[in-house]
Amino acid sequence: MSNTYNNPKFFVTENGYPEKRDDTIAVETALQDDARIQHILSHLYAISNAMKQGADVNGYFMWALMDCMEMGSGYTVRYGLAYTDYLNNLDRILKKSAKWLKLFLAS
């Protein structure tokens, strides 16, 4: 890409990890989203490696900060770093991935 397009500045956007919505599991279980953490980490490592090779990456953006309506899937898929409790006042609770990302970015 750098040779063909003169190393353009770019952003990684709408990067997310989908989890099927399942209201039968306990909220505490749903908050333990280790697969999302691995997904984010693998992308951050790939971005870091690309930057070491000269890629002009200027940003990385998650798909969604909280579970919400997704155009193609409605409310059946969870992409957020915060859990939306659709059964209890739409309460938002930070998932393990949100807490991990906060510590990662602070380090």
PDB file of N, CA and C in Angstrom:
ATOM      1  N   MET A   1       0.816  -1.178   0.000  1.00  0.00           N
ATOM      2  CA  MET A   1       0.000   0.000   0.000  1.00  0.00           C
ATOM      3  C   MET A   1       0.868   1.253   0.000  1.00  0.00           C
ATOM      4  N   SER A   2       1.962   1.224   0.760  1.00  0.00           N
ATOM      5  CA  SER A   2       2.794   2.426   0.823  1.00  0.00           C
ATOM      6  C   SER A   2       3.444   2.724  -0.521  1.00  0.00           C
ATOM      7  N   ASN A   3       3.817   1.705  -1.275  1.00  0.00           N
ATOM      8  CA  ASN A   3       4.433   1.936  -2.583  1.00  0.00           C
ATOM      9  C   ASN A   3       3.405   2.359  -3.622  1.00  0.00           C
ATOM     10  N   THR A   4       2.270   1.691  -3.646  1.00  0.00           N
ATOM     11  CA  THR A   4       1.250   1.973  -4.652  1.00  0.00           C
ATOM     12  C   THR A   4       0.564   3.310  -4.423  1.00  0.00           C
ATOM     13  N   TYR A   5       0.315   3.644  -3.156  1.00  0.00           N
ATOM     14  CA  TYR A   5      -0.467   4.841  -2.840  1.00  0.00           C
ATOM     15  C   TYR A   5       0.321   5.912  -2.090  1.00  0.00           C
ATOM     16  N   ASN A   6       1.646   5.844  -2.131  1.00  0.00           N
ATOM     17  CA  ASN A   6       2.506   6.853  -1.514  1.00  0.00           C
ATOM     18  C   ASN A   6       2.280   6.968   0.000  1.00  0.00           C
ATOM     19  N   ASN A   7       2.175   5.822   0.660  1.00  0.00           N
ATOM     20  CA  ASN A   7       2.050   5.722   2.123  1.00  0.00           C
ATOM     21  C   ASN A   7       1.014   6.690   2.709  1.00  0.00           C
ATOM     22  N   PRO A   8      -0.258   6.468   2.385  1.00  0.00           N
ATOM     23  CA  PRO A   8      -1.294   7.394   2.861  1.00  0.00           C
ATOM     24  C   PRO A   8      -1.521   7.306   4.367  1.00  0.00           C
ATOM     25  N   LYS A   9      -1.969   8.390   4.920  1.00  0.00           N
ATOM     26  CA  LYS A   9      -2.412   8.420   6.314  1.00  0.00           C
ATOM     27  C   LYS A   9      -3.738   7.657   6.365  1.00  0.00           C
ATOM     28  N   PHE A  10      -3.905   6.753   7.357  1.00  0.00           N
ATOM     29  CA  PHE A  10      -5.193   6.069   7.449  1.00  0.00           C
ATOM     30  C   PHE A  10      -5.569   5.740   8.887  1.00  0.00           C
ATOM     31  N   PHE A  11      -6.833   5.399   9.045  1.00  0.00           N
ATOM     32  CA  PHE A  11      -7.423   5.075  10.339  1.00  0.00           C
ATOM     33  C   PHE A  11      -8.074   3.701  10.247  1.00  0.00           C
ATOM     34  N   VAL A  12      -7.968   2.929  11.296  1.00  0.00           N
ATOM     35  CA  VAL A  12      -8.699   1.668  11.396  1.00  0.00           C
ATOM     36  C   VAL A  12     -10.007   2.018  12.100  1.00  0.00           C
ATOM     37  N   THR A  13     -11.124   1.792  11.430  1.00  0.00           N
ATOM     38  CA  THR A  13     -12.415   2.190  11.995  1.00  0.00           C
ATOM     39  C   THR A  13     -13.374   1.011  12.068  1.00  0.00           C
ATOM     40  N   GLU A  14     -14.353   1.145  12.928  1.00  0.00           N
ATOM     41  CA  GLU A  14     -15.419   0.162  13.090  1.00  0.00           C
ATOM     42  C   GLU A  14     -14.875  -1.244  13.277  1.00  0.00           C
ATOM     43  N   ASN A  15     -13.857  -1.367  14.111  1.00  0.00           N
ATOM     44  CA  ASN A  15     -13.286  -2.677  14.408  1.00  0.00           C
ATOM     45  C   ASN A  15     -14.004  -3.233  15.628  1.00  0.00           C
ATOM     46  N   GLY A  16     -14.690  -4.335  15.455  1.00  0.00           N
ATOM     47  CA  GLY A  16     -15.462  -4.868  16.567  1.00  0.00           C
ATOM     48  C   GLY A  16     -15.476  -6.378  16.622  1.00  0.00           C
ATOM     49  N   TYR A  17     -15.903  -6.870  17.762  1.00  0.00           N
ATOM     50  CA  TYR A  17     -16.027  -8.307  17.986  1.00  0.00           C
ATOM     51  C   TYR A  17     -17.476  -8.607  18.360  1.00  0.00           C
ATOM     52  N   PRO A  18     -18.194  -9.334  17.505  1.00  0.00           N
ATOM     53  CA  PRO A  18     -19.603  -9.597  17.788  1.00  0.00           C
ATOM     54  C   PRO A  18     -19.800 -10.778  18.729  1.00  0.00           C
ATOM     55  N   GLU A  19     -20.717 -10.608  19.654  1.00  0.00           N
ATOM     56  CA  GLU A  19     -21.163 -11.713  20.501  1.00  0.00           C
ATOM     57  C   GLU A  19     -22.679 -11.791  20.377  1.00  0.00           C
ATOM     58  N   LYS A  20     -23.186 -12.995  20.198  1.00  0.00           N
ATOM     59  CA  LYS A  20     -24.632 -13.173  20.081  1.00  0.00           C
ATOM     60  C   LYS A  20     -25.311 -12.791  21.391  1.00  0.00           C
ATOM     61  N   ARG A  21     -26.361 -12.030  21.294  1.00  0.00           N
ATOM     62  CA  ARG A  21     -27.132 -11.652  22.487  1.00  0.00           C
ATOM     63  C   ARG A  21     -27.834 -12.894  23.032  1.00  0.00           C
ATOM     64  N   ASP A  22     -27.661 -13.126  24.328  1.00  0.00           N
ATOM     65  CA  ASP A  22     -28.292 -14.263  25.001  1.00  0.00           C
ATOM     66  C   ASP A  22     -28.749 -13.805  26.377  1.00  0.00           C
ATOM     67  N   ASP A  23     -30.015 -13.481  26.489  1.00  0.00           N
ATOM     68  CA  ASP A  23     -30.554 -12.967  27.750  1.00  0.00           C
ATOM     69  C   ASP A  23     -30.729 -14.048  28.811  1.00  0.00           C
ATOM     70  N   THR A  24     -30.411 -15.312  28.477  1.00  0.00           N
ATOM     71  CA  THR A  24     -30.548 -16.387  29.465  1.00  0.00           C
ATOM     72  C   THR A  24     -29.311 -16.530  30.342  1.00  0.00           C
ATOM     73  N   ILE A  25     -28.189 -15.933  29.941  1.00  0.00           N
ATOM     74  CA  ILE A  25     -26.987 -16.041  30.776  1.00  0.00           C
ATOM     75  C   ILE A  25     -26.947 -14.882  31.769  1.00  0.00           C
ATOM     76  N   ALA A  26     -26.303 -15.118  32.888  1.00  0.00           N
ATOM     77  CA  ALA A  26     -26.203 -14.090  33.927  1.00  0.00           C
ATOM     78  C   ALA A  26     -25.391 -12.899  33.414  1.00  0.00           C
ATOM     79  N   VAL A  27     -25.759 -11.717  33.849  1.00  0.00           N
ATOM     80  CA  VAL A  27     -25.052 -10.498  33.444  1.00  0.00           C
ATOM     81  C   VAL A  27     -23.571 -10.615  33.784  1.00  0.00           C
ATOM     82  N   GLU A  28     -23.244 -11.098  34.974  1.00  0.00           N
ATOM     83  CA  GLU A  28     -21.836 -11.229  35.381  1.00  0.00           C
ATOM     84  C   GLU A  28     -21.055 -12.110  34.409  1.00  0.00           C
ATOM     85  N   THR A  29     -21.691 -13.124  33.874  1.00  0.00           N
ATOM     86  CA  THR A  29     -21.041 -13.992  32.883  1.00  0.00           C
ATOM     87  C   THR A  29     -20.841 -13.234  31.570  1.00  0.00           C
ATOM     88  N   ALA A  30     -21.849 -12.485  31.162  1.00  0.00           N
ATOM     89  CA  ALA A  30     -21.769 -11.724  29.909  1.00  0.00           C
ATOM     90  C   ALA A  30     -20.685 -10.647  29.953  1.00  0.00           C
ATOM     91  N   LEU A  31     -20.354 -10.182  31.148  1.00  0.00           N
ATOM     92  CA  LEU A  31     -19.333  -9.137  31.286  1.00  0.00           C
ATOM     93  C   LEU A  31     -17.919  -9.669  31.076  1.00  0.00           C
ATOM     94  N   GLN A  32     -17.739 -10.970  31.147  1.00  0.00           N
ATOM     95  CA  GLN A  32     -16.415 -11.591  31.016  1.00  0.00           C
ATOM     96  C   GLN A  32     -16.137 -11.881  29.539  1.00  0.00           C
ATOM     97  N   ASP A  33     -15.767 -10.889  28.800  1.00  0.00           N
ATOM     98  CA  ASP A  33     -15.602 -10.989  27.341  1.00  0.00           C
ATOM     99  C   ASP A  33     -14.133 -11.113  26.931  1.00  0.00           C
ATOM    100  N   ASP A  34     -13.505 -12.183  27.386  1.00  0.00           N
ATOM    101  CA  ASP A  34     -12.078 -12.406  27.098  1.00  0.00           C
ATOM    102  C   ASP A  34     -11.782 -12.500  25.603  1.00  0.00           C
ATOM    103  N   ALA A  35     -12.704 -13.061  24.828  1.00  0.00           N
ATOM    104  CA  ALA A  35     -12.472 -13.168  23.383  1.00  0.00           C
ATOM    105  C   ALA A  35     -12.375 -11.784  22.744  1.00  0.00           C
ATOM    106  N   ARG A  36     -13.145 -10.822  23.239  1.00  0.00           N
ATOM    107  CA  ARG A  36     -13.068  -9.451  22.708  1.00  0.00           C
ATOM    108  C   ARG A  36     -11.706  -8.833  23.034  1.00  0.00           C
ATOM    109  N   ILE A  37     -11.208  -9.093  24.227  1.00  0.00           N
ATOM    110  CA  ILE A  37      -9.887  -8.578  24.607  1.00  0.00           C
ATOM    111  C   ILE A  37      -8.830  -9.128  23.657  1.00  0.00           C
ATOM    112  N   GLN A  38      -8.875 -10.418  23.377  1.00  0.00           N
ATOM    113  CA  GLN A  38      -7.902 -11.020  22.460  1.00  0.00           C
ATOM    114  C   GLN A  38      -8.037 -10.435  21.058  1.00  0.00           C
ATOM    115  N   HIS A  39      -9.260 -10.190  20.637  1.00  0.00           N
ATOM    116  CA  HIS A  39      -9.510  -9.586  19.325  1.00  0.00           C
ATOM    117  C   HIS A  39      -8.866  -8.194  19.241  1.00  0.00           C
ATOM    118  N   ILE A  40      -9.109  -7.380  20.247  1.00  0.00           N
ATOM    119  CA  ILE A  40      -8.541  -6.024  20.272  1.00  0.00           C
ATOM    120  C   ILE A  40      -7.021  -6.089  20.301  1.00  0.00           C
ATOM    121  N   LEU A  41      -6.490  -6.923  21.180  1.00  0.00           N
ATOM    122  CA  LEU A  41      -5.040  -7.032  21.333  1.00  0.00           C
ATOM    123  C   LEU A  41      -4.373  -7.481  20.037  1.00  0.00           C
ATOM    124  N   SER A  42      -4.959  -8.455  19.354  1.00  0.00           N
ATOM    125  CA  SER A  42      -4.356  -8.924  18.100  1.00  0.00           C
ATOM    126  C   SER A  42      -4.350  -7.815  17.049  1.00  0.00           C
ATOM    127  N   HIS A  43      -5.387  -7.003  17.017  1.00  0.00           N
ATOM    128  CA  HIS A  43      -5.416  -5.891  16.064  1.00  0.00           C
ATOM    129  C   HIS A  43      -4.415  -4.799  16.442  1.00  0.00           C
ATOM    130  N   LEU A  44      -4.280  -4.527  17.726  1.00  0.00           N
ATOM    131  CA  LEU A  44      -3.303  -3.516  18.152  1.00  0.00           C
ATOM    132  C   LEU A  44      -1.874  -3.964  17.855  1.00  0.00           C
ATOM    133  N   TYR A  45      -1.594  -5.246  18.029  1.00  0.00           N
ATOM    134  CA  TYR A  45      -0.264  -5.760  17.671  1.00  0.00           C
ATOM    135  C   TYR A  45      -0.021  -5.640  16.166  1.00  0.00           C
ATOM    136  N   ALA A  46      -1.030  -5.966  15.368  1.00  0.00           N
ATOM    137  CA  ALA A  46      -0.880  -5.860  13.914  1.00  0.00           C
ATOM    138  C   ALA A  46      -0.655  -4.407  13.498  1.00  0.00           C
ATOM    139  N   ILE A  47      -1.378  -3.494  14.114  1.00  0.00           N
ATOM    140  CA  ILE A  47      -1.200  -2.065  13.817  1.00  0.00           C
ATOM    141  C   ILE A  47       0.198  -1.616  14.220  1.00  0.00           C
ATOM    142  N   SER A  48       0.645  -2.048  15.384  1.00  0.00           N
ATOM    143  CA  SER A  48       1.991  -1.695  15.850  1.00  0.00           C
ATOM    144  C   SER A  48       3.050  -2.194  14.872  1.00  0.00           C
ATOM    145  N   ASN A  49       2.907  -3.430  14.424  1.00  0.00           N
ATOM    146  CA  ASN A  49       3.870  -3.986  13.459  1.00  0.00           C
ATOM    147  C   ASN A  49       3.835  -3.218  12.144  1.00  0.00           C
ATOM    148  N   ALA A  50       2.645  -2.861  11.688  1.00  0.00           N
ATOM    149  CA  ALA A  50       2.532  -2.093  10.443  1.00  0.00           C
ATOM    150  C   ALA A  50       3.204  -0.729  10.586  1.00  0.00           C
ATOM    151  N   MET A  51       3.029  -0.101  11.743  1.00  0.00           N
ATOM    152  CA  MET A  51       3.647   1.208  11.972  1.00  0.00           C
ATOM    153  C   MET A  51       5.167   1.092  12.027  1.00  0.00           C
ATOM    154  N   LYS A  52       5.673   0.013  12.607  1.00  0.00           N
ATOM    155  CA  LYS A  52       7.127  -0.203  12.647  1.00  0.00           C
ATOM    156  C   LYS A  52       7.696  -0.365  11.244  1.00  0.00           C
ATOM    157  N   GLN A  53       6.850  -0.830  10.323  1.00  0.00           N
ATOM    158  CA  GLN A  53       7.275  -0.994   8.935  1.00  0.00           C
ATOM    159  C   GLN A  53       6.983   0.254   8.101  1.00  0.00           C
ATOM    160  N   GLY A  54       6.500   1.316   8.762  1.00  0.00           N
ATOM    161  CA  GLY A  54       6.329   2.587   8.076  1.00  0.00           C
ATOM    162  C   GLY A  54       4.903   3.002   7.765  1.00  0.00           C
ATOM    163  N   ALA A  55       3.914   2.187   8.106  1.00  0.00           N
ATOM    164  CA  ALA A  55       2.523   2.569   7.828  1.00  0.00           C
ATOM    165  C   ALA A  55       2.151   3.800   8.651  1.00  0.00           C
ATOM    166  N   ASP A  56       1.430   4.714   8.032  1.00  0.00           N
ATOM    167  CA  ASP A  56       1.046   5.969   8.676  1.00  0.00           C
ATOM    168  C   ASP A  56      -0.348   5.836   9.301  1.00  0.00           C
ATOM    169  N   VAL A  57      -0.437   5.015  10.347  1.00  0.00           N
ATOM    170  CA  VAL A  57      -1.706   4.784  11.041  1.00  0.00           C
ATOM    171  C   VAL A  57      -1.938   5.930  12.017  1.00  0.00           C
ATOM    172  N   ASN A  58      -3.084   6.587  11.902  1.00  0.00           N
ATOM    173  CA  ASN A  58      -3.379   7.757  12.731  1.00  0.00           C
ATOM    174  C   ASN A  58      -4.491   7.537  13.741  1.00  0.00           C
ATOM    175  N   GLY A  59      -5.103   6.364  13.738  1.00  0.00           N
ATOM    176  CA  GLY A  59      -6.161   6.121  14.715  1.00  0.00           C
ATOM    177  C   GLY A  59      -6.706   4.714  14.628  1.00  0.00           C
ATOM    178  N   TYR A  60      -7.286   4.278  15.738  1.00  0.00           N
ATOM    179  CA  TYR A  60      -7.937   2.969  15.838  1.00  0.00           C
ATOM    180  C   TYR A  60      -9.232   3.176  16.608  1.00  0.00           C
ATOM    181  N   PHE A  61     -10.331   2.793  16.007  1.00  0.00           N
ATOM    182  CA  PHE A  61     -11.637   3.027  16.620  1.00  0.00           C
ATOM    183  C   PHE A  61     -12.425   1.730  16.712  1.00  0.00           C
ATOM    184  N   MET A  62     -12.966   1.488  17.896  1.00  0.00           N
ATOM    185  CA  MET A  62     -13.805   0.317  18.118  1.00  0.00           C
ATOM    186  C   MET A  62     -15.140   0.499  17.397  1.00  0.00           C
ATOM    187  N   TRP A  63     -15.831  -0.603  17.197  1.00  0.00           N
ATOM    188  CA  TRP A  63     -17.137  -0.564  16.534  1.00  0.00           C
ATOM    189  C   TRP A  63     -18.143   0.214  17.372  1.00  0.00           C
ATOM    190  N   ALA A  64     -18.210  -0.119  18.679  1.00  0.00           N
ATOM    191  CA  ALA A  64     -19.216   0.533  19.524  1.00  0.00           C
ATOM    192  C   ALA A  64     -18.747   0.594  20.971  1.00  0.00           C
ATOM    193  N   LEU A  65     -19.032   1.698  21.623  1.00  0.00           N
ATOM    194  CA  LEU A  65     -18.692   1.813  23.036  1.00  0.00           C
ATOM    195  C   LEU A  65     -19.645   1.002  23.902  1.00  0.00           C
ATOM    196  N   MET A  66     -20.895   0.854  23.450  1.00  0.00           N
ATOM    197  CA  MET A  66     -21.858   0.070  24.221  1.00  0.00           C
ATOM    198  C   MET A  66     -22.692  -0.772  23.263  1.00  0.00           C
ATOM    199  N   ASP A  67     -23.261  -1.840  23.781  1.00  0.00           N
ATOM    200  CA  ASP A  67     -24.166  -2.647  22.974  1.00  0.00           C
ATOM    201  C   ASP A  67     -25.318  -1.762  22.521  1.00  0.00           C
ATOM    202  N   CYS A  68     -25.667  -1.860  21.254  1.00  0.00           N
ATOM    203  CA  CYS A  68     -26.716  -1.001  20.715  1.00  0.00           C
ATOM    204  C   CYS A  68     -27.335  -1.660  19.484  1.00  0.00           C
ATOM    205  N   MET A  69     -28.277  -0.975  18.868  1.00  0.00           N
ATOM    206  CA  MET A  69     -28.900  -1.490  17.664  1.00  0.00           C
ATOM    207  C   MET A  69     -27.901  -1.425  16.515  1.00  0.00           C
ATOM    208  N   GLU A  70     -27.763  -2.521  15.810  1.00  0.00           N
ATOM    209  CA  GLU A  70     -26.852  -2.610  14.673  1.00  0.00           C
ATOM    210  C   GLU A  70     -27.707  -2.751  13.423  1.00  0.00           C
ATOM    211  N   MET A  71     -27.415  -1.985  12.405  1.00  0.00           N
ATOM    212  CA  MET A  71     -28.281  -1.930  11.221  1.00  0.00           C
ATOM    213  C   MET A  71     -28.591  -3.300  10.628  1.00  0.00           C
ATOM    214  N   GLY A  72     -27.608  -4.168  10.519  1.00  0.00           N
ATOM    215  CA  GLY A  72     -27.834  -5.460   9.891  1.00  0.00           C
ATOM    216  C   GLY A  72     -28.387  -6.530  10.808  1.00  0.00           C
ATOM    217  N   SER A  73     -28.226  -6.349  12.120  1.00  0.00           N
ATOM    218  CA  SER A  73     -28.585  -7.408  13.070  1.00  0.00           C
ATOM    219  C   SER A  73     -29.584  -6.980  14.133  1.00  0.00           C
ATOM    220  N   GLY A  74     -29.975  -5.735  14.129  1.00  0.00           N
ATOM    221  CA  GLY A  74     -30.881  -5.254  15.175  1.00  0.00           C
ATOM    222  C   GLY A  74     -30.212  -5.319  16.539  1.00  0.00           C
ATOM    223  N   TYR A  75     -30.918  -5.893  17.501  1.00  0.00           N
ATOM    224  CA  TYR A  75     -30.394  -6.014  18.867  1.00  0.00           C
ATOM    225  C   TYR A  75     -29.913  -7.432  19.166  1.00  0.00           C
ATOM    226  N   THR A  76     -29.624  -8.225  18.141  1.00  0.00           N
ATOM    227  CA  THR A  76     -29.262  -9.633  18.347  1.00  0.00           C
ATOM    228  C   THR A  76     -27.775  -9.855  18.575  1.00  0.00           C
ATOM    229  N   VAL A  77     -26.953  -8.840  18.327  1.00  0.00           N
ATOM    230  CA  VAL A  77     -25.502  -8.974  18.452  1.00  0.00           C
ATOM    231  C   VAL A  77     -24.983  -7.874  19.375  1.00  0.00           C
ATOM    232  N   ARG A  78     -23.992  -8.237  20.198  1.00  0.00           N
ATOM    233  CA  ARG A  78     -23.381  -7.276  21.129  1.00  0.00           C
ATOM    234  C   ARG A  78     -21.957  -6.965  20.658  1.00  0.00           C
ATOM    235  N   TYR A  79     -21.703  -5.705  20.355  1.00  0.00           N
ATOM    236  CA  TYR A  79     -20.377  -5.254  19.928  1.00  0.00           C
ATOM    237  C   TYR A  79     -19.694  -4.376  20.971  1.00  0.00           C
ATOM    238  N   GLY A  80     -20.390  -3.928  21.973  1.00  0.00           N
ATOM    239  CA  GLY A  80     -19.904  -2.874  22.848  1.00  0.00           C
ATOM    240  C   GLY A  80     -18.900  -3.269  23.904  1.00  0.00           C
ATOM    241  N   LEU A  81     -18.178  -2.256  24.378  1.00  0.00           N
ATOM    242  CA  LEU A  81     -17.294  -2.396  25.533  1.00  0.00           C
ATOM    243  C   LEU A  81     -18.099  -2.280  26.824  1.00  0.00           C
ATOM    244  N   ALA A  82     -19.292  -1.759  26.721  1.00  0.00           N
ATOM    245  CA  ALA A  82     -20.210  -1.686  27.863  1.00  0.00           C
ATOM    246  C   ALA A  82     -21.442  -2.525  27.539  1.00  0.00           C
ATOM    247  N   TYR A  83     -21.861  -3.314  28.500  1.00  0.00           N
ATOM    248  CA  TYR A  83     -23.028  -4.177  28.381  1.00  0.00           C
ATOM    249  C   TYR A  83     -24.289  -3.336  28.538  1.00  0.00           C
ATOM    250  N   THR A  84     -25.241  -3.517  27.639  1.00  0.00           N
ATOM    251  CA  THR A  84     -26.541  -2.877  27.769  1.00  0.00           C
ATOM    252  C   THR A  84     -27.528  -3.927  28.255  1.00  0.00           C
ATOM    253  N   ASP A  85     -28.118  -3.682  29.415  1.00  0.00           N
ATOM    254  CA  ASP A  85     -29.085  -4.617  29.990  1.00  0.00           C
ATOM    255  C   ASP A  85     -30.465  -4.272  29.437  1.00  0.00           C
ATOM    256  N   TYR A  86     -30.847  -4.937  28.368  1.00  0.00           N
ATOM    257  CA  TYR A  86     -32.103  -4.649  27.690  1.00  0.00           C
ATOM    258  C   TYR A  86     -33.319  -5.005  28.541  1.00  0.00           C
ATOM    259  N   LEU A  87     -33.121  -5.815  29.582  1.00  0.00           N
ATOM    260  CA  LEU A  87     -34.237  -6.254  30.420  1.00  0.00           C
ATOM    261  C   LEU A  87     -34.424  -5.403  31.670  1.00  0.00           C
ATOM    262  N   ASN A  88     -33.470  -4.521  31.978  1.00  0.00           N
ATOM    263  CA  ASN A  88     -33.523  -3.707  33.197  1.00  0.00           C
ATOM    264  C   ASN A  88     -33.155  -2.254  32.927  1.00  0.00           C
ATOM    265  N   ASN A  89     -34.095  -1.489  32.413  1.00  0.00           N
ATOM    266  CA  ASN A  89     -33.911  -0.038  32.244  1.00  0.00           C
ATOM    267  C   ASN A  89     -32.772   0.360  31.315  1.00  0.00           C
ATOM    268  N   LEU A  90     -32.292  -0.544  30.502  1.00  0.00           N
ATOM    269  CA  LEU A  90     -31.169  -0.264  29.600  1.00  0.00           C
ATOM    270  C   LEU A  90     -29.915   0.159  30.363  1.00  0.00           C
ATOM    271  N   ASP A  91     -29.750  -0.370  31.571  1.00  0.00           N
ATOM    272  CA  ASP A  91     -28.545  -0.073  32.355  1.00  0.00           C
ATOM    273  C   ASP A  91     -27.306  -0.436  31.558  1.00  0.00           C
ATOM    274  N   ARG A  92     -26.237   0.356  31.710  1.00  0.00           N
ATOM    275  CA  ARG A  92     -24.950   0.086  31.056  1.00  0.00           C
ATOM    276  C   ARG A  92     -23.942  -0.298  32.126  1.00  0.00           C
ATOM    277  N   ILE A  93     -23.206  -1.377  31.867  1.00  0.00           N
ATOM    278  CA  ILE A  93     -22.199  -1.877  32.799  1.00  0.00           C
ATOM    279  C   ILE A  93     -20.926  -2.148  32.001  1.00  0.00           C
ATOM    280  N   LEU A  94     -19.797  -1.644  32.472  1.00  0.00           N
ATOM    281  CA  LEU A  94     -18.541  -1.878  31.758  1.00  0.00           C
ATOM    282  C   LEU A  94     -18.201  -3.362  31.751  1.00  0.00           C
ATOM    283  N   LYS A  95     -17.836  -3.842  30.569  1.00  0.00           N
ATOM    284  CA  LYS A  95     -17.387  -5.227  30.434  1.00  0.00           C
ATOM    285  C   LYS A  95     -15.909  -5.304  30.811  1.00  0.00           C
ATOM    286  N   LYS A  96     -15.432  -6.517  30.965  1.00  0.00           N
ATOM    287  CA  LYS A  96     -14.022  -6.742  31.282  1.00  0.00           C
ATOM    288  C   LYS A  96     -13.132  -6.074  30.234  1.00  0.00           C
ATOM    289  N   SER A  97     -13.542  -6.112  28.972  1.00  0.00           N
ATOM    290  CA  SER A  97     -12.749  -5.514  27.892  1.00  0.00           C
ATOM    291  C   SER A  97     -12.587  -4.008  28.069  1.00  0.00           C
ATOM    292  N   ALA A  98     -13.606  -3.316  28.546  1.00  0.00           N
ATOM    293  CA  ALA A  98     -13.508  -1.866  28.772  1.00  0.00           C
ATOM    294  C   ALA A  98     -12.499  -1.561  29.863  1.00  0.00           C
ATOM    295  N   LYS A  99     -12.548  -2.343  30.928  1.00  0.00           N
ATOM    296  CA  LYS A  99     -11.607  -2.137  32.036  1.00  0.00           C
ATOM    297  C   LYS A  99     -10.185  -2.472  31.600  1.00  0.00           C
ATOM    298  N   TRP A 100     -10.045  -3.538  30.807  1.00  0.00           N
ATOM    299  CA  TRP A 100      -8.725  -3.919  30.298  1.00  0.00           C
ATOM    300  C   TRP A 100      -8.176  -2.820  29.387  1.00  0.00           C
ATOM    301  N   LEU A 101      -9.009  -2.319  28.474  1.00  0.00           N
ATOM    302  CA  LEU A 101      -8.558  -1.297  27.525  1.00  0.00           C
ATOM    303  C   LEU A 101      -8.123  -0.026  28.253  1.00  0.00           C
ATOM    304  N   LYS A 102      -8.832   0.346  29.292  1.00  0.00           N
ATOM    305  CA  LYS A 102      -8.451   1.520  30.086  1.00  0.00           C
ATOM    306  C   LYS A 102      -7.048   1.344  30.662  1.00  0.00           C
ATOM    307  N   LEU A 103      -6.768   0.177  31.235  1.00  0.00           N
ATOM    308  CA  LEU A 103      -5.435  -0.090  31.798  1.00  0.00           C
ATOM    309  C   LEU A 103      -4.375  -0.153  30.705  1.00  0.00           C
ATOM    310  N   PHE A 104      -4.710  -0.775  29.586  1.00  0.00           N
ATOM    311  CA  PHE A 104      -3.782  -0.889  28.462  1.00  0.00           C
ATOM    312  C   PHE A 104      -3.387   0.493  27.952  1.00  0.00           C
ATOM    313  N   LEU A 105      -4.362   1.358  27.761  1.00  0.00           N
ATOM    314  CA  LEU A 105      -4.082   2.697  27.235  1.00  0.00           C
ATOM    315  C   LEU A 105      -3.330   3.567  28.231  1.00  0.00           C
ATOM    316  N   ALA A 106      -3.498   3.302  29.512  1.00  0.00           N
ATOM    317  CA  ALA A 106      -2.800   4.076  30.541  1.00  0.00           C
ATOM    318  C   ALA A 106      -1.344   3.645  30.699  1.00  0.00           C
ATOM    319  N   SER A 107      -1.014   2.453  30.213  1.00  0.00           N
ATOM    320  CA  SER A 107       0.358   1.939  30.403  1.00  0.00           C
ATOM    321  C   SER A 107       1.316   2.418  29.337  1.00  0.00           C
TER     322      SER A 107
END
